[in-house]
Amino acid sequence: MTRAQDVRIANDGHVAVTDIGDPDDQDLSGTFNVVAPAGTPVIEYEFDANIWECSITENGRYAATATHNPDRSAYIFNIESGDLVTKFETPNLNAPTQEFGTIDGEIVLYLLDGDERYRAIDLDGNTVWKSRDLQKQDRIDQLLDSSERADLEEAIDLLEEVYELSDDQNRKKSIANRLADTHWRLSKNIRKDEGDTDAWWSHLNQAKQYYYEIVSWYDGKKGVAKVERKQAKYHLKEGNEEAALQLLESISELEDEYDVQLLTDADKKKIENLS
């Protein structure tokens, strides 16, 4: 053994150890060892990925470890036979901490995200328990997948549920962007089929609302500008020059605030003529 990182001892004296290797060795590698109470090696399993922590059942029957990138998997071993019994991929967790436990009298391995239990798998690699965060993430993934195949109105409903479920601000902004684009596309379809209806105007406003949520992004600023340009064009058609000017000046203010070109030559000419 070169360099022991984590050591776990069962009640019967079996010892599980992660050997993370020579500190000067730049290759991704690690060796998982289990030693019997008499000092006899039982398991010596080499990985082509780094490992860190390990776990062992109190009765010394099973042991586990988990790998970093690029493998990102949890491994459970039968100590008596020395065999690997389960490999479980953990794409969202990098070498997670593991804890053996029981659910309904059956041995399970809990995988932790930080200090919190995230998932439990049985000895066959089946997920038998999920944390609330994982259940929420599964629901989000399901909704996003469904939104790709749905029509625009249904997609909006699905994406709005994702938006409400999302706690991460970057994820929330990404969903706001998709909602804005979807409302914009639906507004165009409604106008093409039905004309300048209340529904058309409502979806324009909702698109603008979501674009404003990501106004720090270029897509947000560009989105706000295209919606307000469309609304200004409508007001001009209706003879409401003051409302049209306010919308075009709003684009100009956004352009000045973020030092980005948003006004077209036609926009500038309209502002000049309406001022």
Protein backbone atom coordinates (compact mmCIF):
# COMPACT_ATOMS: atom_id res chain seq x y z
CA MET A 1 0.00 0.00 0.00
CA THR A 2 1.37 3.40 -1.02
CA ARG A 3 -0.80 6.07 0.62
CA ALA A 4 -3.93 5.30 2.63
CA GLN A 5 -6.59 7.99 2.37
CA ASP A 6 -9.63 6.50 4.13
CA VAL A 7 -9.82 3.56 6.54
CA ARG A 8 -13.01 1.86 7.77
CA ILE A 9 -13.16 -1.01 10.26
CA ALA A 10 -16.04 -3.48 10.64
CA ASN A 11 -17.09 -4.95 13.96
CA ASP A 12 -15.64 -8.34 12.94
CA GLY A 13 -12.23 -6.80 12.26
CA HIS A 14 -12.27 -6.51 8.47
CA VAL A 15 -10.60 -3.29 7.31
CA ALA A 16 -11.40 -1.33 4.13
CA VAL A 17 -8.81 1.12 2.84
CA THR A 18 -8.56 3.46 -0.14
CA ASP A 19 -4.99 3.72 -1.44
CA ILE A 20 -4.67 6.92 -3.50
CA GLY A 21 -1.14 6.14 -4.67
CA ASP A 22 2.11 8.03 -5.04
CA PRO A 23 1.60 11.82 -4.81
CA ASP A 24 4.08 12.29 -7.68
CA ASP A 25 2.09 10.00 -9.97
CA GLN A 26 -0.09 12.17 -12.23
CA ASP A 27 -2.08 9.25 -13.64
CA LEU A 28 -5.71 8.79 -12.59
CA SER A 29 -5.67 5.73 -10.37
CA GLY A 30 -6.48 4.25 -7.00
CA THR A 31 -6.64 0.89 -5.28
CA PHE A 32 -9.38 -0.32 -2.99
CA ASN A 33 -8.22 -2.85 -0.40
CA VAL A 34 -10.06 -4.99 2.11
CA VAL A 35 -8.01 -6.94 4.65
CA ALA A 36 -9.29 -9.80 6.83
CA PRO A 37 -8.88 -9.68 10.64
CA ALA A 38 -5.84 -11.97 10.36
CA GLY A 39 -4.18 -9.53 7.96
CA THR A 40 -4.87 -11.53 4.82
CA PRO A 41 -5.75 -9.44 1.72
CA VAL A 42 -9.31 -10.18 0.61
CA ILE A 43 -9.88 -7.50 -2.04
CA GLU A 44 -7.37 -5.50 -4.06
CA TYR A 45 -9.23 -3.67 -6.82
CA GLU A 46 -7.44 -1.19 -9.06
CA PHE A 47 -9.21 1.74 -10.73
CA ASP A 48 -8.35 3.93 -13.70
CA ALA A 49 -9.82 6.85 -11.80
CA ASN A 50 -9.09 8.52 -8.47
CA ILE A 51 -10.89 7.30 -5.36
CA TRP A 52 -11.21 8.92 -1.96
CA GLU A 53 -13.57 7.54 0.67
CA CYS A 54 -14.92 4.07 1.42
CA SER A 55 -17.46 2.30 3.59
CA ILE A 56 -17.93 -1.15 5.12
CA THR A 57 -20.91 -2.86 6.73
CA GLU A 58 -20.78 -3.37 10.49
CA ASN A 59 -20.79 -7.14 10.04
CA GLY A 60 -17.93 -7.03 7.53
CA ARG A 61 -19.90 -8.61 4.68
CA TYR A 62 -19.82 -5.77 2.16
CA ALA A 63 -17.55 -2.84 1.37
CA ALA A 64 -17.81 0.07 -1.04
CA THR A 65 -15.95 2.96 -2.60
CA ALA A 66 -16.62 5.53 -5.34
CA THR A 67 -14.61 7.09 -8.15
CA HIS A 68 -13.94 10.60 -9.42
CA ASN A 69 -14.03 11.67 -13.07
CA PRO A 70 -14.04 10.22 -15.63
CA ASP A 71 -15.57 7.08 -14.12
CA ARG A 72 -17.92 8.61 -11.53
CA SER A 73 -19.36 5.38 -10.15
CA ALA A 74 -20.00 3.66 -6.83
CA TYR A 75 -18.75 0.08 -6.35
CA ILE A 76 -20.02 -2.52 -3.88
CA PHE A 77 -17.97 -5.65 -3.11
CA ASN A 78 -18.88 -8.91 -1.43
CA ILE A 79 -16.07 -9.37 1.09
CA GLU A 80 -16.53 -13.12 1.55
CA SER A 81 -16.18 -13.89 -2.17
CA GLY A 82 -14.04 -10.88 -3.02
CA ASP A 83 -16.28 -10.15 -5.99
CA LEU A 84 -17.61 -6.88 -7.29
CA VAL A 85 -21.39 -7.16 -6.99
CA THR A 86 -22.53 -3.74 -8.18
CA LYS A 87 -21.26 -0.80 -10.18
CA PHE A 88 -23.60 2.20 -10.07
CA GLU A 89 -22.92 5.31 -12.17
CA THR A 90 -23.11 8.65 -10.32
CA PRO A 91 -22.97 11.28 -13.10
CA ASN A 92 -24.22 14.08 -10.82
CA LEU A 93 -21.87 13.21 -7.94
CA ASN A 94 -18.09 13.05 -8.01
CA ALA A 95 -16.75 10.28 -5.73
CA PRO A 96 -19.57 10.71 -3.21
CA THR A 97 -19.25 9.70 0.41
CA GLN A 98 -21.00 6.38 1.10
CA GLU A 99 -22.79 4.96 4.12
CA PHE A 100 -24.17 1.45 4.49
CA GLY A 101 -27.56 1.16 6.13
CA THR A 102 -30.78 -0.82 5.93
CA ILE A 103 -34.23 -0.22 4.47
CA ASP A 104 -36.95 -2.71 5.43
CA GLY A 105 -34.24 -5.05 6.73
CA GLU A 106 -32.27 -5.04 3.46
CA ILE A 107 -28.70 -3.72 3.14
CA VAL A 108 -28.45 -0.52 1.13
CA LEU A 109 -25.68 1.90 0.30
CA TYR A 110 -26.47 5.58 0.78
CA LEU A 111 -24.68 8.01 -1.53
CA LEU A 112 -24.23 11.46 -0.04
CA ASP A 113 -24.18 14.90 -1.63
CA GLY A 114 -22.09 16.86 0.82
CA ASP A 115 -23.40 15.90 4.25
CA GLU A 116 -26.88 14.92 3.06
CA ARG A 117 -28.08 11.52 1.92
CA TYR A 118 -28.94 11.82 -1.77
CA ARG A 119 -29.77 8.30 -2.96
CA ALA A 120 -29.81 4.72 -1.67
CA ILE A 121 -29.07 1.70 -3.84
CA ASP A 122 -29.49 -1.97 -3.02
CA LEU A 123 -26.90 -4.67 -3.64
CA ASP A 124 -28.21 -5.13 -7.18
CA GLY A 125 -27.71 -1.45 -8.01
CA ASN A 126 -31.38 -0.50 -7.91
CA THR A 127 -32.35 2.88 -6.50
CA VAL A 128 -34.57 2.22 -3.48
CA TRP A 129 -34.69 5.68 -1.94
CA LYS A 130 -34.32 9.27 -3.17
CA SER A 131 -33.91 12.52 -1.31
CA ARG A 132 -36.39 15.34 -1.88
CA ASP A 133 -33.76 17.19 -3.92
CA LEU A 134 -33.25 14.17 -6.15
CA GLN A 135 -36.99 13.67 -6.55
CA LYS A 136 -37.29 17.32 -7.53
CA GLN A 137 -34.45 17.00 -10.03
CA ASP A 138 -36.05 13.91 -11.55
CA ARG A 139 -39.32 15.84 -11.92
CA ILE A 140 -37.50 18.75 -13.55
CA ASP A 141 -35.76 16.42 -16.01
CA GLN A 142 -39.09 14.78 -16.84
CA LEU A 143 -40.79 18.15 -17.42
CA LEU A 144 -37.97 19.43 -19.61
CA ASP A 145 -38.02 16.27 -21.69
CA SER A 146 -41.79 16.53 -22.13
CA SER A 147 -41.56 20.22 -23.07
CA GLU A 148 -39.36 19.34 -26.05
CA ARG A 149 -42.20 17.30 -27.59
CA ALA A 150 -45.17 19.42 -26.52
CA ASP A 151 -46.99 22.12 -28.48
CA LEU A 152 -46.20 25.71 -27.49
CA GLU A 153 -49.07 26.18 -25.03
CA GLU A 154 -48.36 22.92 -23.24
CA ALA A 155 -44.62 23.65 -23.28
CA ILE A 156 -45.26 26.92 -21.47
CA ASP A 157 -47.19 25.11 -18.72
CA LEU A 158 -44.40 22.54 -18.34
CA LEU A 159 -41.63 25.13 -18.32
CA GLU A 160 -43.47 27.27 -15.78
CA GLU A 161 -43.57 24.28 -13.42
CA VAL A 162 -39.81 23.81 -13.94
CA TYR A 163 -39.33 27.52 -13.23
CA GLU A 164 -41.19 27.24 -9.93
CA LEU A 165 -39.32 24.08 -8.91
CA SER A 166 -35.86 25.47 -9.67
CA ASP A 167 -33.84 26.80 -6.74
CA ASP A 168 -30.59 27.38 -8.61
CA GLN A 169 -30.56 30.92 -10.04
CA ASN A 170 -28.62 29.98 -13.17
CA ARG A 171 -31.11 27.19 -13.89
CA LYS A 172 -33.98 29.60 -13.24
CA LYS A 173 -32.57 32.13 -15.71
CA SER A 174 -32.07 29.42 -18.33
CA ILE A 175 -35.72 28.40 -17.96
CA ALA A 176 -36.81 32.06 -18.07
CA ASN A 177 -35.00 32.33 -21.39
CA ARG A 178 -36.84 29.30 -22.76
CA LEU A 179 -40.16 30.62 -21.47
CA ALA A 180 -39.56 33.99 -23.08
CA ASP A 181 -38.72 32.40 -26.44
CA THR A 182 -41.76 30.12 -26.23
CA HIS A 183 -44.16 32.98 -25.42
CA TRP A 184 -42.63 34.96 -28.30
CA ARG A 185 -43.09 32.09 -30.77
CA LEU A 186 -46.65 31.51 -29.59
CA SER A 187 -47.48 35.23 -29.98
CA LYS A 188 -46.28 35.10 -33.58
CA ASN A 189 -48.44 32.05 -34.29
CA ILE A 190 -51.50 33.66 -32.73
CA ARG A 191 -51.04 36.88 -34.70
CA LYS A 192 -50.63 34.92 -37.92
CA ASP A 193 -53.80 32.89 -37.32
CA GLU A 194 -56.02 35.35 -35.43
CA GLY A 195 -54.56 38.83 -35.80
CA ASP A 196 -53.90 41.40 -33.06
CA THR A 197 -55.87 39.71 -30.29
CA ASP A 198 -55.70 40.04 -26.52
CA ALA A 199 -54.01 36.64 -26.39
CA TRP A 200 -51.34 37.86 -28.82
CA TRP A 201 -50.67 40.92 -26.69
CA SER A 202 -50.65 38.88 -23.47
CA HIS A 203 -47.99 36.50 -24.76
CA LEU A 204 -45.90 39.44 -25.97
CA ASN A 205 -46.00 40.92 -22.46
CA GLN A 206 -45.14 37.60 -20.84
CA ALA A 207 -42.24 37.15 -23.24
CA LYS A 208 -40.96 40.61 -22.30
CA GLN A 209 -41.34 39.84 -18.59
CA TYR A 210 -39.15 36.75 -18.87
CA TYR A 211 -36.64 38.50 -21.13
CA TYR A 212 -36.28 41.18 -18.44
CA GLU A 213 -35.40 38.45 -15.94
CA ILE A 214 -32.30 37.69 -18.02
CA VAL A 215 -31.65 41.27 -19.12
CA SER A 216 -28.04 40.94 -17.93
CA TRP A 217 -27.62 38.41 -20.78
CA TYR A 218 -27.42 39.56 -24.37
CA ASP A 219 -30.35 37.29 -25.26
CA GLY A 220 -32.42 39.09 -22.63
CA LYS A 221 -31.62 42.57 -23.91
CA LYS A 222 -32.18 41.51 -27.51
CA GLY A 223 -35.46 39.85 -26.52
CA VAL A 224 -36.79 42.90 -24.70
CA ALA A 225 -35.89 45.07 -27.69
CA LYS A 226 -37.67 42.87 -30.25
CA VAL A 227 -40.84 42.68 -28.12
CA GLU A 228 -40.96 46.42 -27.47
CA ARG A 229 -40.28 47.10 -31.16
CA LYS A 230 -43.24 44.88 -32.06
CA GLN A 231 -45.44 46.64 -29.50
CA ALA A 232 -44.35 50.07 -30.75
CA LYS A 233 -45.25 49.07 -34.31
CA TYR A 234 -48.73 48.06 -33.13
CA HIS A 235 -49.26 51.38 -31.31
CA LEU A 236 -48.19 53.31 -34.40
CA LYS A 237 -50.71 51.40 -36.47
CA GLU A 238 -53.38 52.32 -33.91
CA GLY A 239 -52.33 55.98 -33.99
CA ASN A 240 -50.95 55.96 -30.42
CA GLU A 241 -47.70 57.75 -31.14
CA GLU A 242 -46.92 58.56 -27.49
CA ALA A 243 -47.03 54.89 -26.43
CA ALA A 244 -44.91 53.93 -29.44
CA LEU A 245 -42.31 56.55 -28.59
CA GLN A 246 -42.12 55.39 -24.96
CA LEU A 247 -41.41 51.84 -26.07
CA LEU A 248 -38.72 52.88 -28.56
CA GLU A 249 -37.11 55.15 -25.97
CA SER A 250 -37.14 52.21 -23.54
CA ILE A 251 -35.01 50.29 -26.04
CA SER A 252 -32.70 53.30 -26.31
CA GLU A 253 -32.32 53.48 -22.52
CA LEU A 254 -31.51 49.78 -22.38
CA GLU A 255 -28.92 50.30 -25.09
CA ASP A 256 -27.29 53.13 -23.15
CA GLU A 257 -27.38 51.27 -19.82
CA TYR A 258 -25.64 48.18 -21.15
CA ASP A 259 -23.56 49.79 -23.91
CA VAL A 260 -24.88 47.41 -26.56
CA GLN A 261 -26.48 48.12 -29.93
CA LEU A 262 -30.18 47.35 -29.90
CA LEU A 263 -31.80 50.12 -31.95
CA THR A 264 -32.11 49.66 -35.69
CA ASP A 265 -31.77 52.56 -38.12
CA ALA A 266 -35.54 52.42 -38.54
CA ASP A 267 -35.99 52.66 -34.75
CA LYS A 268 -33.78 55.76 -34.59
CA LYS A 269 -35.67 57.44 -37.43
CA LYS A 270 -39.00 56.76 -35.74
CA ILE A 271 -37.75 58.22 -32.45
CA GLU A 272 -36.56 61.32 -34.30
CA ASN A 273 -39.88 61.73 -36.11
CA LEU A 274 -41.99 61.12 -33.00
CA SER A 275 -39.99 63.33 -30.62
